[in-house]
Protein backbone atom coordinates (compact mmCIF):
# COMPACT_ATOMS: atom_id res chain seq x y z
CA MET A 1 86.70 65.63 92.43
CA HIS A 2 86.23 68.46 94.91
CA LYS A 3 83.35 68.12 97.31
CA HIS A 4 81.92 71.50 98.29
CA SER A 5 81.71 71.46 102.06
CA GLY A 6 79.52 74.50 102.56
CA CYS A 7 80.32 77.69 104.34
CA CYS A 8 82.48 78.70 107.19
CA GLY A 9 82.01 81.69 109.33
CA CYS A 10 82.06 83.38 112.57
CA THR A 11 81.23 86.43 114.59
CA LEU A 12 83.27 88.69 116.70
CA ASP A 13 84.25 90.76 119.51
CA PRO A 14 84.55 89.48 123.05
CA VAL A 15 86.12 86.36 121.59
CA GLY A 16 89.84 86.67 122.04
CA ARG A 17 89.60 89.07 124.94
CA ARG A 18 92.99 88.22 126.35
CA SER A 19 94.37 87.42 122.93
CA PHE A 20 93.35 89.30 119.81
CA LEU A 21 91.22 91.97 121.41
CA ALA A 22 93.92 92.68 123.94
CA ALA A 23 96.24 93.28 121.04
CA MET A 24 93.61 95.67 119.67
CA GLY A 25 93.43 97.61 122.92
CA GLY A 26 93.93 100.93 121.12
CA THR A 27 90.65 100.57 119.24
CA ALA A 28 87.23 101.40 120.57
CA LEU A 29 86.18 97.80 120.04
CA GLY A 30 89.18 96.37 121.86
CA THR A 31 88.77 98.73 124.80
CA ALA A 32 85.09 98.03 125.17
CA ALA A 33 85.58 94.30 124.91
CA LEU A 34 88.32 94.26 127.48
CA ALA A 35 86.30 96.36 129.87
CA GLY A 36 83.19 94.28 129.38
CA CYS A 37 84.81 90.90 129.88
CA ALA A 38 87.27 91.60 132.68
CA THR A 39 84.76 91.34 135.52
CA SER A 40 82.78 88.31 134.39
CA ALA A 41 85.76 86.10 133.61
CA LYS A 42 88.52 87.57 135.74
CA ASP A 43 89.09 84.52 137.91
CA HIS A 44 88.98 82.13 135.00
CA LEU A 45 91.50 84.20 133.07
CA MET A 46 93.89 83.96 135.98
CA GLU A 47 93.54 80.18 135.90
CA ALA A 48 93.72 79.81 132.11
CA PRO A 49 96.04 82.45 130.61
CA ARG A 50 95.64 82.86 126.87
CA VAL A 51 98.32 82.44 124.26
CA LYS A 52 97.94 85.21 121.71
CA PRO A 53 99.32 85.42 118.19
CA ALA A 54 101.11 88.62 117.26
CA LEU A 55 99.04 90.81 114.95
CA ALA A 56 101.78 93.29 114.05
CA LYS A 57 102.70 93.56 110.37
CA LYS A 58 105.99 94.45 108.80
CA PRO A 59 106.29 98.20 108.21
CA LEU A 60 107.05 99.51 104.75
CA ILE A 61 110.46 101.21 104.62
CA VAL A 62 110.71 104.17 102.24
CA GLN A 63 113.91 105.95 101.25
CA PRO A 64 113.20 109.41 99.79
CA VAL A 65 115.91 110.96 97.60
CA LEU A 66 116.15 114.41 96.02
CA SER A 67 118.12 114.31 92.78
CA TYR A 68 119.25 117.77 91.61
CA GLN A 69 122.06 119.78 90.01
CA ILE A 70 123.19 123.35 90.47
CA CYS A 71 124.46 124.61 87.14
CA THR A 72 127.07 127.34 86.55
CA PRO A 73 126.23 130.10 84.05
CA GLN A 74 128.18 129.97 80.79
CA LYS A 75 128.32 132.56 78.06
CA ALA A 76 126.60 132.13 74.70
CA THR A 77 125.47 128.52 75.21
CA SER A 78 122.68 126.53 76.80
CA TRP A 79 123.98 125.95 80.30
CA ARG A 80 120.97 124.97 82.37
CA PRO A 81 118.10 122.48 81.94
CA TRP A 82 114.48 123.02 82.84
CA GLY A 83 113.73 123.25 86.55
CA GLY A 84 113.17 125.64 89.41
CA LEU A 85 116.03 124.60 91.72
CA LYS A 86 118.70 127.08 90.62
CA THR A 87 120.57 127.81 93.86
CA GLU A 88 121.48 126.06 97.10
CA ALA A 89 118.91 128.27 98.79
CA ASP A 90 116.29 126.83 96.44
CA VAL A 91 117.43 123.31 97.38
CA THR A 92 117.24 124.06 101.10
CA GLN A 93 113.72 125.37 100.71
CA GLU A 94 112.75 122.32 98.62
CA ILE A 95 114.14 119.94 101.26
CA GLN A 96 112.02 121.63 103.90
CA ARG A 97 108.99 121.38 101.63
CA ILE A 98 109.55 117.67 101.00
CA GLU A 99 110.14 116.86 104.66
CA GLY A 100 106.86 118.55 105.59
CA GLU A 101 104.99 116.74 102.84
CA LEU A 102 106.40 113.37 103.88
CA SER A 103 105.46 113.99 107.50
CA THR A 104 101.89 114.67 106.42
CA LEU A 105 101.92 111.60 104.18
CA ALA A 106 103.01 109.34 107.02
CA SER A 107 100.32 110.73 109.32
CA HIS A 108 97.64 109.80 106.76
CA ALA A 109 98.84 106.22 106.26
CA GLU A 110 96.61 103.67 107.99
CA PHE A 111 99.39 101.06 107.64
CA PRO A 112 102.80 101.05 109.33
CA VAL A 113 105.36 102.95 107.26
CA THR A 114 108.88 104.12 108.10
CA ILE A 115 110.10 107.07 106.03
CA ARG A 116 113.83 107.52 106.32
CA PRO A 117 115.53 110.94 106.28
CA LEU A 118 115.62 112.59 102.87
CA ALA A 119 118.89 111.99 101.04
CA LYS A 120 120.44 114.38 98.51
CA VAL A 121 122.06 113.12 95.31
CA THR A 122 123.94 115.15 92.72
CA ASN A 123 125.98 112.42 90.98
CA PRO A 124 126.03 108.61 90.41
CA ALA A 125 128.63 108.02 93.12
CA GLU A 126 126.25 109.38 95.74
CA ALA A 127 123.39 107.34 94.29
CA THR A 128 125.00 103.89 94.38
CA PRO A 129 124.92 103.20 98.14
CA LEU A 130 121.29 104.31 98.27
CA ARG A 131 120.37 102.10 95.35
CA ASP A 132 122.03 99.13 97.07
CA GLY A 133 120.39 99.79 100.43
CA ASP A 134 117.69 97.77 102.17
CA ALA A 135 114.68 100.07 101.77
CA ASP A 136 111.52 98.56 100.30
CA VAL A 137 110.75 101.63 98.21
CA MET A 138 112.95 104.26 96.60
CA LEU A 139 110.95 107.50 96.35
CA ILE A 140 112.88 109.66 93.90
CA TYR A 141 112.24 113.40 93.62
CA GLY A 142 113.40 114.05 90.08
CA ALA A 143 114.32 117.73 90.10
CA ALA A 144 117.33 117.19 87.81
CA GLY A 145 120.41 114.99 87.47
CA GLU A 146 120.65 111.30 86.57
CA LEU A 147 117.92 109.06 87.95
CA GLU A 148 118.99 105.68 86.53
CA PRO A 149 121.74 105.13 89.15
CA LEU A 150 119.07 105.26 91.87
CA ILE A 151 116.78 102.63 90.35
CA SER A 152 117.13 98.96 91.19
CA PRO A 153 114.86 96.26 89.73
CA ASN A 154 115.19 94.43 93.07
CA ARG A 155 112.94 96.91 94.90
CA TYR A 156 109.92 99.12 94.29
CA ASN A 157 110.64 102.54 92.79
CA LEU A 158 108.56 105.70 92.48
CA VAL A 159 109.49 108.90 90.66
CA PHE A 160 107.81 112.08 91.92
CA VAL A 161 107.91 115.17 89.72
CA ARG A 162 106.47 118.64 90.22
CA HIS A 163 104.24 120.53 87.87
CA LYS A 164 102.37 122.97 90.11
CA SER A 165 103.03 121.75 93.65
CA GLY A 166 106.35 123.60 93.88
CA PRO A 167 109.29 124.52 91.67
CA VAL A 168 108.87 122.69 88.39
CA TYR A 169 111.18 119.66 87.90
CA LEU A 170 113.24 118.80 84.83
CA TRP A 171 111.97 115.22 84.90
CA TYR A 172 108.40 116.47 84.53
CA GLU A 173 109.47 116.96 80.92
CA ILE A 174 111.71 113.99 80.19
CA THR A 175 110.70 111.07 82.42
CA HIS A 176 108.77 109.38 79.63
CA PRO A 177 111.07 109.85 76.59
CA ARG A 178 114.43 109.62 78.35
CA LEU A 179 113.99 107.56 81.51
CA LEU A 180 111.24 105.11 80.59
CA ARG A 181 111.92 104.82 76.84
CA LYS A 182 115.62 105.68 76.52
CA THR A 183 114.88 107.97 73.50
CA VAL A 184 113.17 105.16 71.55
CA ASP A 185 109.56 103.97 71.46
CA GLU A 186 109.99 100.86 73.59
CA TYR A 187 110.17 100.85 77.37
CA GLY A 188 113.64 100.09 78.61
CA GLN A 189 114.12 101.00 82.28
CA PRO A 190 114.22 97.93 84.55
CA GLY A 191 112.40 98.53 87.81
CA LEU A 192 110.23 101.41 86.56
CA SER A 193 107.00 101.60 84.55
CA PRO A 194 104.69 104.47 83.62
CA GLU A 195 102.40 103.70 86.58
CA ASP A 196 105.37 104.31 88.92
CA VAL A 197 105.51 108.02 88.06
CA VAL A 198 103.54 110.53 90.16
CA VAL A 199 102.96 114.18 89.36
CA ASP A 200 102.23 116.57 92.26
CA GLU A 201 99.63 114.50 94.15
CA TYR A 202 100.64 112.81 97.40
CA ALA A 203 97.36 110.90 97.44
CA ASP A 204 98.76 109.09 94.40
CA VAL A 205 101.93 108.30 96.32
CA LEU A 206 99.96 107.00 99.30
CA TRP A 207 97.84 104.47 97.44
CA ARG A 208 100.91 103.10 95.70
CA LEU A 209 102.69 102.74 99.04
CA ARG A 210 99.58 100.95 100.31
CA SER A 211 100.02 98.43 97.48
CA PHE A 212 103.69 97.97 98.31
CA PHE A 213 102.87 97.46 101.98
CA ALA A 214 100.32 94.81 101.03
CA LEU A 215 102.83 93.05 98.79
CA LYS A 216 105.49 93.06 101.51
CA ASN A 217 103.09 91.45 103.97
CA THR A 218 101.53 89.02 101.49
CA ILE A 219 104.55 87.65 99.66
CA GLY A 220 106.10 85.05 101.93
CA ALA A 221 103.17 85.00 104.35
CA LYS A 222 102.94 81.97 106.64
CA VAL A 223 99.54 80.29 106.75
CA VAL A 224 98.68 77.44 109.11
CA CYS A 225 96.61 74.92 107.16
CA ILE A 226 94.49 72.74 109.43
CA GLY A 227 94.11 69.46 107.54
CA GLY A 228 96.53 70.60 104.84
CA ALA A 229 96.42 73.02 101.91
CA SER A 230 93.97 72.51 99.08
CA GLY A 231 92.28 74.17 96.11
CA TRP A 232 88.68 74.16 94.94
CA GLY A 233 87.64 72.02 91.97
CA ALA A 234 89.64 70.41 89.22
CA GLY A 235 91.15 73.77 88.33
CA GLY A 236 92.46 74.30 91.85
CA GLN A 237 94.57 71.19 92.20
CA GLN A 238 97.79 73.13 91.67
CA ALA A 239 96.73 76.07 93.82
CA PRO A 240 98.86 75.23 96.91
CA GLN A 241 101.96 74.90 94.74
CA LEU A 242 101.15 78.15 92.94
CA ALA A 243 100.79 79.86 96.31
CA LYS A 244 104.25 78.59 97.24
CA ASP A 245 105.88 79.39 93.92
CA HIS A 246 104.21 82.66 92.93
CA TRP A 247 103.40 84.14 96.34
CA LYS A 248 106.31 82.47 98.21
CA MET A 249 103.81 81.49 100.91
CA ASP A 250 104.86 79.20 103.73
CA LEU A 251 102.00 76.71 104.02
CA VAL A 252 102.23 74.88 107.34
CA ASN A 253 100.43 71.54 107.32
CA TYR A 254 98.77 71.08 110.72
CA PRO A 255 97.24 67.58 110.96
CA TYR A 256 93.77 67.03 112.33
CA GLU A 257 95.24 64.44 114.65
CA GLU A 258 97.18 67.18 116.42
CA LEU A 259 94.20 69.49 116.44
CA GLY A 260 92.07 66.77 117.97
CA LYS A 261 94.52 66.40 120.83
CA ARG A 262 94.41 70.14 121.48
CA ILE A 263 90.63 70.24 121.41
CA LEU A 264 90.43 67.31 123.84
CA ALA A 265 92.92 68.96 126.20
CA ALA A 266 90.99 72.25 126.10
CA ARG A 267 87.66 70.54 126.74
CA SER A 268 89.23 68.64 129.65
CA ASN A 269 90.38 71.86 131.30
CA PRO A 270 87.53 73.23 133.47
CA ALA A 271 89.13 76.68 133.67
CA ARG A 272 89.32 77.01 129.91
CA VAL A 273 85.78 75.74 129.46
CA LYS A 274 84.48 78.27 131.99
CA GLN A 275 86.50 81.00 130.33
CA ALA A 276 84.96 80.20 126.94
CA GLU A 277 81.49 80.16 128.47
CA ALA A 278 82.11 83.53 130.11
CA GLU A 279 83.28 85.00 126.81
CA ALA A 280 80.22 83.67 125.03
CA GLU A 281 78.00 85.10 127.75
CA GLU A 282 79.60 88.51 127.41
CA TYR A 283 79.30 88.32 123.64
CA LEU A 284 75.57 87.70 123.88
CA LYS A 285 75.09 90.88 125.92
CA ASP A 286 75.64 92.89 122.75
CA SER A 287 72.23 94.15 121.64
CA GLY A 288 73.19 93.48 118.03
CA VAL A 289 73.54 89.75 118.65
CA LYS A 290 70.66 87.29 118.48
CA LEU A 291 71.22 83.62 119.38
CA GLU A 292 69.20 81.19 117.26
CA THR A 293 71.10 77.97 117.88
CA ASP A 294 71.96 75.87 120.92
CA ARG A 295 74.05 77.85 123.37
CA GLY A 296 76.49 74.96 123.76
CA PHE A 297 77.52 75.31 120.11
CA LEU A 298 78.51 78.93 120.77
CA ASP A 299 80.38 78.12 124.00
CA ARG A 300 82.40 75.45 122.23
CA ALA A 301 83.11 77.85 119.33
CA PHE A 302 84.77 80.23 121.78
CA LEU A 303 86.82 77.34 123.15
CA LEU A 304 87.85 76.36 119.63
CA THR A 305 88.88 79.96 119.04
CA GLN A 306 91.35 79.64 121.91
CA VAL A 307 92.80 76.52 120.30
CA PHE A 308 93.23 78.22 116.92
CA GLU A 309 94.92 81.17 118.59
CA GLU A 310 97.44 78.86 120.23
CA VAL A 311 98.25 77.12 116.98
CA MET A 312 98.83 80.42 115.18
CA ALA A 313 100.96 81.77 118.04
CA GLU A 314 103.16 78.68 118.09
CA HIS A 315 103.85 79.06 114.38
CA GLY A 316 104.45 82.80 114.56
CA THR A 317 101.62 83.85 112.28
CA HIS A 318 98.13 85.34 112.40
CA ALA A 319 96.89 83.54 109.28
CA ILE A 320 95.03 80.24 109.40
CA THR A 321 92.76 78.14 107.20
CA ILE A 322 90.85 74.93 107.73
CA ASN A 323 90.38 72.09 105.22
CA ASN A 324 87.36 69.75 105.22
CA CYS A 325 86.04 72.09 107.85
CA MET A 326 82.60 70.50 108.16
CA SER A 327 82.99 66.74 108.06
CA THR A 328 86.17 66.52 110.10
CA ILE A 329 86.07 69.20 112.75
CA MET A 330 82.43 68.86 113.81
CA PRO A 331 82.84 65.48 115.55
CA MET A 332 86.02 66.73 117.26
CA SER A 333 84.76 70.05 118.55
CA GLU A 334 81.00 69.38 118.69
CA THR A 335 80.48 72.68 116.89
CA THR A 336 81.49 74.26 113.59
CA ALA A 337 84.45 76.47 112.74
CA CYS A 338 82.18 79.12 111.21
CA MET A 339 81.92 81.31 114.29
CA VAL A 340 85.60 80.84 115.08
CA LEU A 341 86.81 82.17 111.74
CA SER A 342 84.55 85.21 111.93
CA LEU A 343 85.74 86.03 115.43
CA LEU A 344 89.38 85.74 114.41
CA ASN A 345 88.93 87.96 111.36
CA ASP A 346 87.17 90.63 113.38
CA ALA A 347 90.02 90.62 115.85
CA GLY A 348 92.60 91.35 113.15
CA ALA A 349 93.76 87.89 112.11
CA MET A 350 93.25 86.28 108.71
CA ALA A 351 91.12 83.14 108.98
CA PHE A 352 89.66 81.33 105.98
CA CYS A 353 87.54 78.26 105.47
CA GLU A 354 88.03 75.42 102.98
CA SER A 355 91.81 75.92 102.66
CA ASP A 356 91.23 77.07 99.08
CA PHE A 357 94.52 78.52 97.88
CA VAL A 358 92.98 79.63 94.62
CA VAL A 359 91.41 82.47 96.59
CA ILE A 360 93.35 82.73 99.87
CA PRO A 361 96.24 84.76 98.39
CA SER A 362 93.67 87.33 97.24
CA GLY A 363 92.24 87.45 100.76
CA VAL A 364 95.64 88.04 102.33
CA LEU A 365 96.45 90.72 99.75
CA LEU A 366 93.07 92.45 100.07
CA GLN A 367 93.17 92.44 103.87
CA ASN A 368 96.62 94.00 103.76
CA ILE A 369 95.44 96.66 101.30
CA ALA A 370 92.19 97.50 103.05
CA SER A 371 93.39 97.08 106.66
CA THR A 372 89.95 95.62 107.38
CA PRO A 373 88.52 92.10 107.56
CA VAL A 374 87.63 90.39 104.30
CA PHE A 375 84.84 87.96 103.46
CA LEU A 376 85.60 84.74 101.57
CA GLN A 377 82.34 83.96 99.79
CA ASP A 378 80.57 81.82 97.23
CA PRO A 379 79.40 83.94 94.29
CA THR A 380 76.23 83.31 92.32
CA TYR A 381 75.29 84.03 88.73
CA PRO A 382 75.39 87.79 87.96
CA HIS A 383 72.11 89.06 86.56
CA HIS A 384 70.26 92.36 86.12
CA GLY A 385 73.16 94.25 87.69
CA ILE A 386 73.12 92.12 90.86
CA MET A 387 75.10 89.23 92.31
CA THR A 388 74.37 87.43 95.58
CA VAL A 389 77.38 86.33 97.62
CA ALA A 390 77.16 84.05 100.63
CA HIS A 391 79.10 81.94 103.11
CA CYS A 392 78.79 81.02 106.76
CA THR A 393 81.95 82.84 107.86
CA ALA A 394 81.42 86.57 107.35
CA PRO A 395 83.16 88.97 109.75
CA ARG A 396 80.96 91.46 111.57
CA LYS A 397 83.48 94.29 111.61
CA MET A 398 83.67 94.73 107.86
CA ASP A 399 84.64 98.40 108.06
CA GLY A 400 87.30 97.69 110.67
CA LYS A 401 85.50 99.78 113.29
CA HIS A 402 81.83 98.94 113.80
CA LEU A 403 80.05 95.68 114.49
CA GLU A 404 77.23 94.73 112.18
CA LYS A 405 74.16 93.06 113.64
CA VAL A 406 74.29 89.27 113.61
CA ARG A 407 72.06 86.25 114.09
CA ILE A 408 73.93 83.21 115.42
CA MET A 409 72.40 80.23 113.64
CA THR A 410 73.38 76.73 112.62
CA HIS A 411 75.64 76.13 109.64
CA PHE A 412 73.19 75.83 106.75
CA GLU A 413 74.18 72.57 105.01
CA SER A 414 74.58 70.60 108.23
CA ASP A 415 72.01 72.46 110.35
CA TYR A 416 74.56 72.10 113.14
CA GLY A 417 76.90 74.26 115.15
CA ALA A 418 77.17 78.04 115.32
CA ALA A 419 77.44 80.26 112.24
CA PRO A 420 76.88 84.00 111.89
CA LYS A 421 74.27 85.55 109.66
CA VAL A 422 75.83 89.00 109.44
CA GLU A 423 73.42 91.76 108.48
CA MET A 424 75.69 93.95 106.37
CA THR A 425 74.66 97.60 106.16
CA PRO A 426 72.93 98.53 102.88
CA GLY A 427 74.65 101.12 100.70
CA LYS A 428 78.24 100.20 101.54
CA VAL A 429 80.78 100.40 98.71
CA VAL A 430 82.61 97.10 98.37
CA THR A 431 85.46 95.63 96.37
CA VAL A 432 84.95 92.15 94.93
CA ILE A 433 87.94 90.14 93.71
CA ASP A 434 87.66 87.01 91.56
CA PRO A 435 91.00 85.16 91.16
CA ASP A 436 91.49 82.63 88.40
CA PHE A 437 92.67 79.06 88.88
CA GLY A 438 96.00 79.60 87.13
CA ASN A 439 96.97 82.83 88.96
CA LYS A 440 97.30 84.56 85.61
CA ARG A 441 94.32 86.92 85.31
CA TRP A 442 92.15 88.25 88.11
CA ILE A 443 88.89 90.17 87.85
CA GLY A 444 87.62 92.86 90.19
CA PHE A 445 84.72 95.27 90.46
CA ARG A 446 83.17 97.84 92.75
CA GLY A 447 79.76 97.15 94.11
CA LYS A 448 77.28 98.37 96.67
CA THR A 449 75.50 96.30 99.30
CA LEU A 450 71.75 96.20 98.69
CA GLU A 451 70.16 93.84 101.22
CA THR A 452 70.87 90.77 103.31
CA PRO A 453 68.11 88.31 102.36
CA TYR A 454 67.19 85.10 104.17
CA MET A 455 67.37 82.42 101.50
CA ASP A 456 68.12 78.74 101.98
CA ILE A 457 71.80 79.21 101.31
CA CYS A 458 74.87 79.94 103.41
CA ARG A 459 73.90 82.09 106.38
CA SER A 460 75.81 85.32 105.70
CA GLN A 461 74.33 86.47 102.42
CA VAL A 462 74.20 89.82 100.69
CA ASP A 463 72.97 91.08 97.34
CA ILE A 464 75.55 93.35 95.70
CA ALA A 465 74.83 95.88 92.97
CA ILE A 466 77.53 95.45 90.34
CA GLU A 467 79.23 98.60 89.06
CA GLY A 468 79.80 97.47 85.52
CA ASP A 469 78.17 95.25 82.92
CA HIS A 470 76.90 92.06 84.56
CA ASN A 471 76.88 90.33 81.16
CA VAL A 472 80.60 90.99 80.77
CA LEU A 473 81.17 89.69 84.29
CA ALA A 474 79.28 86.51 83.43
CA GLN A 475 81.56 86.04 80.42
CA GLU A 476 84.76 86.77 82.33
CA MET A 477 84.29 85.02 85.71
CA ARG A 478 87.13 82.74 86.79
CA GLY A 479 87.81 80.25 89.58
CA PHE A 480 85.05 79.89 92.16
CA HIS A 481 85.43 81.50 95.58
CA GLN A 482 85.78 85.28 95.68
CA MET A 483 86.77 87.94 98.23
CA VAL A 484 84.83 90.98 99.40
CA ALA A 485 86.03 93.97 101.42
CA TYR A 486 84.35 97.24 102.29
CA GLY A 487 85.70 100.24 100.38
CA ASP A 488 87.24 100.69 96.95
CA GLN A 489 90.63 98.99 96.60
CA LEU A 490 90.63 98.39 92.86
CA LYS A 491 93.57 100.71 92.04
CA GLU A 492 95.77 99.23 94.74
CA THR A 493 94.92 95.65 93.78
CA GLY A 494 95.59 96.10 90.09
CA TYR A 495 98.87 97.91 90.77
CA ALA A 496 100.04 95.18 93.14
CA LEU A 497 99.14 92.39 90.73
CA ARG A 498 101.10 94.05 87.92
CA LYS A 499 104.19 93.84 90.12
CA LEU A 500 103.64 90.07 90.41
CA GLY A 501 103.06 89.47 86.72
CA ILE A 502 99.31 88.83 87.09
CA SER A 503 96.93 90.49 84.63
CA TRP A 504 93.96 92.42 86.00
CA PHE A 505 90.56 93.21 84.54
CA ASN A 506 88.82 96.05 86.35
CA LEU A 507 85.19 95.59 85.31
CA SER A 508 83.97 98.79 86.93
CA ASP A 509 86.45 101.01 85.10
CA ASN A 510 86.48 98.75 82.02
CA ARG A 511 90.24 98.62 82.17
CA THR A 512 92.63 95.74 81.64
CA ILE A 513 96.17 95.83 82.99
CA GLU A 514 98.32 93.22 81.30
CA ALA A 515 101.13 91.59 83.22
């Protein structure tokens, strides 16, 4: 029987000054934090150098290919198909057009993407080595010619066709009946579905690439599990195994015994203790921060952040979760992990409480889609178009750029430690994802932040206006924990899940995508 252990949370910025924030030096937040902390803790940093996990993600590799044919005129017969590429001069002009479009596309991507030089294909022999290459995505410009030899079911494939964005393409006409359906009514092309076809709009290419990038960085992700991997409730007992089997995740069991040794060593090191205290002091200088718990809890949370950073760095990952995070870690650290997890998330890592692998894969996926921190939360009963979500671990930098105001309080259920009550900005569009226990059918909806009340529940709490029928949501809810991110990522999430064989119900658009 699962025992609900409350919330987990954290705050932000000057935390991993030499670690995460240093890695974020290109951002306004990272620069300000580094500048603000360097003077107050300079000597201590020299005495206690920080070990920092790498935050870099694997870039998406895209191979663009132009498939075309130049036909020779023949008398008294049909000798050319539809399409505007009639001469080599037309092809040269089209290549220049595509290269310019791809350059613009790459400049608009907020995730790392490598677009290889455009290849030209006029026959199957030229297509085979490209099909068998190591690119993550084959982006096929279907002007004419055979497209099947370019498509492999072992990678992601997109077909781009022109209607009005340039010379019209043959495959604008025949992608559906010939490529997808093979001249019958049933779909028959491995590695390609109707949602993989784009007409004219590069914005539609970009959001699909965003999904592929998220999949590349979610499938096979390594997650350090302090106290082991788990799953909420009776329905979540198989969640760690599902995460391994379905998401190919590498779940590293990190025993509390080892963590206890690290915490003791850190607390026995005067330089590290002073460094944590200096970071906490700098953090409190932010006018948006209000301390409403014992200062020692906050100091020790910054020290525990250092320990978590080391563990992640040693295992070559920036993803971590903590099991039994209240009853076990509090006596060891003399604080809570709430603040720690929030700080790590705001610095670009992925840090989750409760080690609940029913929901953690959705958090990793959503963070990789949104490129912003995500909030693992406890949902409440949807009613009158509203649902309250809460936990003690909310990030402050929900939009990836700006710090929300925060009150540093105790963790609610224990009235102990340091936990952030993040005051999320009203009127923000959010995406809410509700995974099911069996990893078979997820639910998602758009919402809008209304207010951050002060009820006797987990500290970071926000009322969300549901875009969609709350009665349908009440009928369809699955699992328990859910994920929230700022912005609208419903298209990307549903598209990614389809690739993994998970069905998706988009409540806001009243659309179901079957696996």
